Amino acid sequence: QVRLVESGGGLVQPGGSLRLSCAASGFPFISYAMNWYRQAPGKERELVATITGAGGSTNYADSVKGRFTISRDNAKNTVYLQMNNLEPEDTAVYYCKAERTTTFNKFNYWGQGTQVTVSS
């Protein structure tokens, strides 16, 4: 059974930091790229950060470059999102997504999300 469980969200003041975690199970974690998405009220879900299976390559949305860092621990089947210098505009539900594309199939798994609220 595939499971992705996010944790680490909460309320933080502007300029503060949070570290999100996403624990995965039920699939070969190292074979999947991992992504963090977010969705703010009334807005579409947007891609925040991506990391390849071996962790050798990362990409970020322009809005979070220099403030967020995605990383993974393949021994623990966990992906992280370190968020620094948070802004009210970062308020959203954050989701992790596992994805893998083969010659014949595409696999996508989503977590249930964790709320991040940036407010004074």
C-alpha atoms as a PDB file:
ATOM      1  CA  GLN A   1       0.000   0.000   0.000  1.00  0.00           C
ATOM      2  CA  VAL A   2       1.445   3.342  -1.076  1.00  0.00           C
ATOM      3  CA  ARG A   3       1.563   6.019   1.609  1.00  0.00           C
ATOM      4  CA  LEU A   4       2.949   9.533   1.682  1.00  0.00           C
ATOM      5  CA  VAL A   5       2.574  11.282   5.016  1.00  0.00           C
ATOM      6  CA  GLU A   6       3.528  14.934   5.368  1.00  0.00           C
ATOM      7  CA  SER A   7       4.325  16.571   8.688  1.00  0.00           C
ATOM      8  CA  GLY A   8       5.941  19.699  10.079  1.00  0.00           C
ATOM      9  CA  GLY A   9       3.439  22.344   9.062  1.00  0.00           C
ATOM     10  CA  GLY A  10       2.120  24.974  11.418  1.00  0.00           C
ATOM     11  CA  LEU A  11       1.871  28.668  12.208  1.00  0.00           C
ATOM     12  CA  VAL A  12       5.019  30.750  11.926  1.00  0.00           C
ATOM     13  CA  GLN A  13       5.766  34.463  11.906  1.00  0.00           C
ATOM     14  CA  PRO A  14       7.136  36.190   8.805  1.00  0.00           C
ATOM     15  CA  GLY A  15      10.864  35.646   8.581  1.00  0.00           C
ATOM     16  CA  GLY A  16      10.623  32.358  10.435  1.00  0.00           C
ATOM     17  CA  SER A  17      11.473  28.831   9.365  1.00  0.00           C
ATOM     18  CA  LEU A  18       9.774  25.459   9.104  1.00  0.00           C
ATOM     19  CA  ARG A  19      10.943  22.043   7.993  1.00  0.00           C
ATOM     20  CA  LEU A  20       8.416  19.813   6.284  1.00  0.00           C
ATOM     21  CA  SER A  21       8.867  16.052   6.078  1.00  0.00           C
ATOM     22  CA  CYS A  22       7.204  13.485   3.846  1.00  0.00           C
ATOM     23  CA  ALA A  23       7.566   9.850   4.839  1.00  0.00           C
ATOM     24  CA  ALA A  24       7.012   7.382   2.022  1.00  0.00           C
ATOM     25  CA  SER A  25       6.214   3.687   1.997  1.00  0.00           C
ATOM     26  CA  GLY A  26       4.868   1.034  -0.338  1.00  0.00           C
ATOM     27  CA  PHE A  27       6.993   1.788  -3.407  1.00  0.00           C
ATOM     28  CA  PRO A  28      10.705   1.859  -4.353  1.00  0.00           C
ATOM     29  CA  PHE A  29      11.446   5.325  -3.050  1.00  0.00           C
ATOM     30  CA  ILE A  30      14.865   5.778  -4.675  1.00  0.00           C
ATOM     31  CA  SER A  31      13.335   5.152  -8.115  1.00  0.00           C
ATOM     32  CA  TYR A  32      11.002   8.132  -7.795  1.00  0.00           C
ATOM     33  CA  ALA A  33      11.549  11.830  -8.183  1.00  0.00           C
ATOM     34  CA  MET A  34       9.978  13.690  -5.291  1.00  0.00           C
ATOM     35  CA  ASN A  35       8.194  17.004  -5.454  1.00  0.00           C
ATOM     36  CA  TRP A  36       6.696  19.528  -3.101  1.00  0.00           C
ATOM     37  CA  TYR A  37       3.605  21.381  -4.300  1.00  0.00           C
ATOM     38  CA  ARG A  38       1.493  23.968  -2.555  1.00  0.00           C
ATOM     39  CA  GLN A  39      -2.006  25.291  -2.936  1.00  0.00           C
ATOM     40  CA  ALA A  40      -3.193  28.562  -1.452  1.00  0.00           C
ATOM     41  CA  PRO A  41      -6.905  29.337  -1.016  1.00  0.00           C
ATOM     42  CA  GLY A  42      -8.472  30.252  -4.343  1.00  0.00           C
ATOM     43  CA  LYS A  43      -5.332  29.438  -6.297  1.00  0.00           C
ATOM     44  CA  GLU A  44      -4.141  26.532  -8.394  1.00  0.00           C
ATOM     45  CA  ARG A  45      -1.717  23.998  -7.022  1.00  0.00           C
ATOM     46  CA  GLU A  46       1.830  24.972  -7.929  1.00  0.00           C
ATOM     47  CA  LEU A  47       5.120  23.119  -8.043  1.00  0.00           C
ATOM     48  CA  VAL A  48       7.546  24.391  -5.416  1.00  0.00           C
ATOM     49  CA  ALA A  49      10.561  22.078  -5.609  1.00  0.00           C
ATOM     50  CA  THR A  50      11.740  18.832  -7.186  1.00  0.00           C
ATOM     51  CA  ILE A  51      14.539  16.401  -6.399  1.00  0.00           C
ATOM     52  CA  THR A  52      15.645  13.428  -8.488  1.00  0.00           C
ATOM     53  CA  GLY A  53      15.704   9.880  -7.161  1.00  0.00           C
ATOM     54  CA  ALA A  54      19.379   9.835  -6.287  1.00  0.00           C
ATOM     55  CA  GLY A  55      19.166  13.405  -5.042  1.00  0.00           C
ATOM     56  CA  GLY A  56      21.689  14.704  -7.507  1.00  0.00           C
ATOM     57  CA  SER A  57      19.502  17.359  -9.066  1.00  0.00           C
ATOM     58  CA  THR A  58      17.035  19.867  -7.674  1.00  0.00           C
ATOM     59  CA  ASN A  59      14.797  22.559  -9.099  1.00  0.00           C
ATOM     60  CA  TYR A  60      12.809  25.348  -7.498  1.00  0.00           C
ATOM     61  CA  ALA A  61      10.049  27.756  -8.352  1.00  0.00           C
ATOM     62  CA  ASP A  62      11.393  31.278  -8.772  1.00  0.00           C
ATOM     63  CA  SER A  63       9.297  32.444  -5.831  1.00  0.00           C
ATOM     64  CA  VAL A  64      11.179  30.220  -3.362  1.00  0.00           C
ATOM     65  CA  LYS A  65      14.715  30.139  -4.785  1.00  0.00           C
ATOM     66  CA  GLY A  66      17.267  31.015  -2.156  1.00  0.00           C
ATOM     67  CA  ARG A  67      14.782  30.467   0.682  1.00  0.00           C
ATOM     68  CA  PHE A  68      13.654  26.825   0.354  1.00  0.00           C
ATOM     69  CA  THR A  69      15.795  23.697   0.133  1.00  0.00           C
ATOM     70  CA  ILE A  70      14.555  20.262  -0.865  1.00  0.00           C
ATOM     71  CA  SER A  71      16.487  17.192   0.231  1.00  0.00           C
ATOM     72  CA  ARG A  72      15.921  13.476   0.671  1.00  0.00           C
ATOM     73  CA  ASP A  73      17.185  10.622   2.793  1.00  0.00           C
ATOM     74  CA  ASN A  74      16.775   7.448   0.773  1.00  0.00           C
ATOM     75  CA  ALA A  75      17.718   5.298   3.759  1.00  0.00           C
ATOM     76  CA  LYS A  76      14.698   6.711   5.617  1.00  0.00           C
ATOM     77  CA  ASN A  77      12.376   6.986   2.583  1.00  0.00           C
ATOM     78  CA  THR A  78      11.808  10.609   3.470  1.00  0.00           C
ATOM     79  CA  VAL A  79      11.894  13.892   1.594  1.00  0.00           C
ATOM     80  CA  TYR A  80      12.244  17.255   3.308  1.00  0.00           C
ATOM     81  CA  LEU A  81      11.532  20.873   2.539  1.00  0.00           C
ATOM     82  CA  GLN A  82      13.468  23.373   4.603  1.00  0.00           C
ATOM     83  CA  MET A  83      11.708  26.726   4.397  1.00  0.00           C
ATOM     84  CA  ASN A  84      13.524  29.835   5.605  1.00  0.00           C
ATOM     85  CA  ASN A  85      12.640  33.510   5.609  1.00  0.00           C
ATOM     86  CA  LEU A  86       8.979  32.655   5.228  1.00  0.00           C
ATOM     87  CA  GLU A  87       6.576  35.229   3.833  1.00  0.00           C
ATOM     88  CA  PRO A  88       2.789  35.544   4.190  1.00  0.00           C
ATOM     89  CA  GLU A  89       2.573  34.600   0.507  1.00  0.00           C
ATOM     90  CA  ASP A  90       3.960  31.168   1.406  1.00  0.00           C
ATOM     91  CA  THR A  91       0.752  30.365   3.275  1.00  0.00           C
ATOM     92  CA  ALA A  92      -0.740  27.253   1.681  1.00  0.00           C
ATOM     93  CA  VAL A  93      -1.346  23.559   2.048  1.00  0.00           C
ATOM     94  CA  TYR A  94       1.884  21.795   1.106  1.00  0.00           C
ATOM     95  CA  TYR A  95       1.759  18.406  -0.593  1.00  0.00           C
ATOM     96  CA  CYS A  96       4.461  15.923  -1.485  1.00  0.00           C
ATOM     97  CA  LYS A  97       4.230  13.952  -4.682  1.00  0.00           C
ATOM     98  CA  ALA A  98       6.191  10.942  -5.887  1.00  0.00           C
ATOM     99  CA  GLU A  99       6.517  10.450  -9.606  1.00  0.00           C
ATOM    100  CA  ARG A 100       8.133   8.044 -11.991  1.00  0.00           C
ATOM    101  CA  THR A 101       7.838   7.679 -15.737  1.00  0.00           C
ATOM    102  CA  THR A 102       8.800   4.487 -17.514  1.00  0.00           C
ATOM    103  CA  THR A 103       8.517   3.537 -21.162  1.00  0.00           C
ATOM    104  CA  PHE A 104       4.971   2.296 -20.711  1.00  0.00           C
ATOM    105  CA  ASN A 105       3.668   3.777 -17.490  1.00  0.00           C
ATOM    106  CA  LYS A 106       3.513   6.937 -15.427  1.00  0.00           C
ATOM    107  CA  PHE A 107       3.177   6.708 -11.651  1.00  0.00           C
ATOM    108  CA  ASN A 108       2.063   9.569  -9.423  1.00  0.00           C
ATOM    109  CA  TYR A 109       1.349   9.376  -5.703  1.00  0.00           C
ATOM    110  CA  TRP A 110       0.196  12.241  -3.489  1.00  0.00           C
ATOM    111  CA  GLY A 111       0.210  12.872   0.220  1.00  0.00           C
ATOM    112  CA  GLN A 112      -2.691  14.374   2.146  1.00  0.00           C
ATOM    113  CA  GLY A 113      -1.023  17.749   2.702  1.00  0.00           C
ATOM    114  CA  THR A 114       0.104  19.831   5.659  1.00  0.00           C
ATOM    115  CA  GLN A 115      -0.980  23.395   6.378  1.00  0.00           C
ATOM    116  CA  VAL A 116       1.608  26.159   6.556  1.00  0.00           C
ATOM    117  CA  THR A 117       0.424  29.547   7.780  1.00  0.00           C
ATOM    118  CA  VAL A 118       2.742  32.553   7.839  1.00  0.00           C
ATOM    119  CA  SER A 119       1.253  35.353   9.878  1.00  0.00           C
ATOM    120  CA  SER A 120       2.129  37.787  12.617  1.00  0.00           C
END
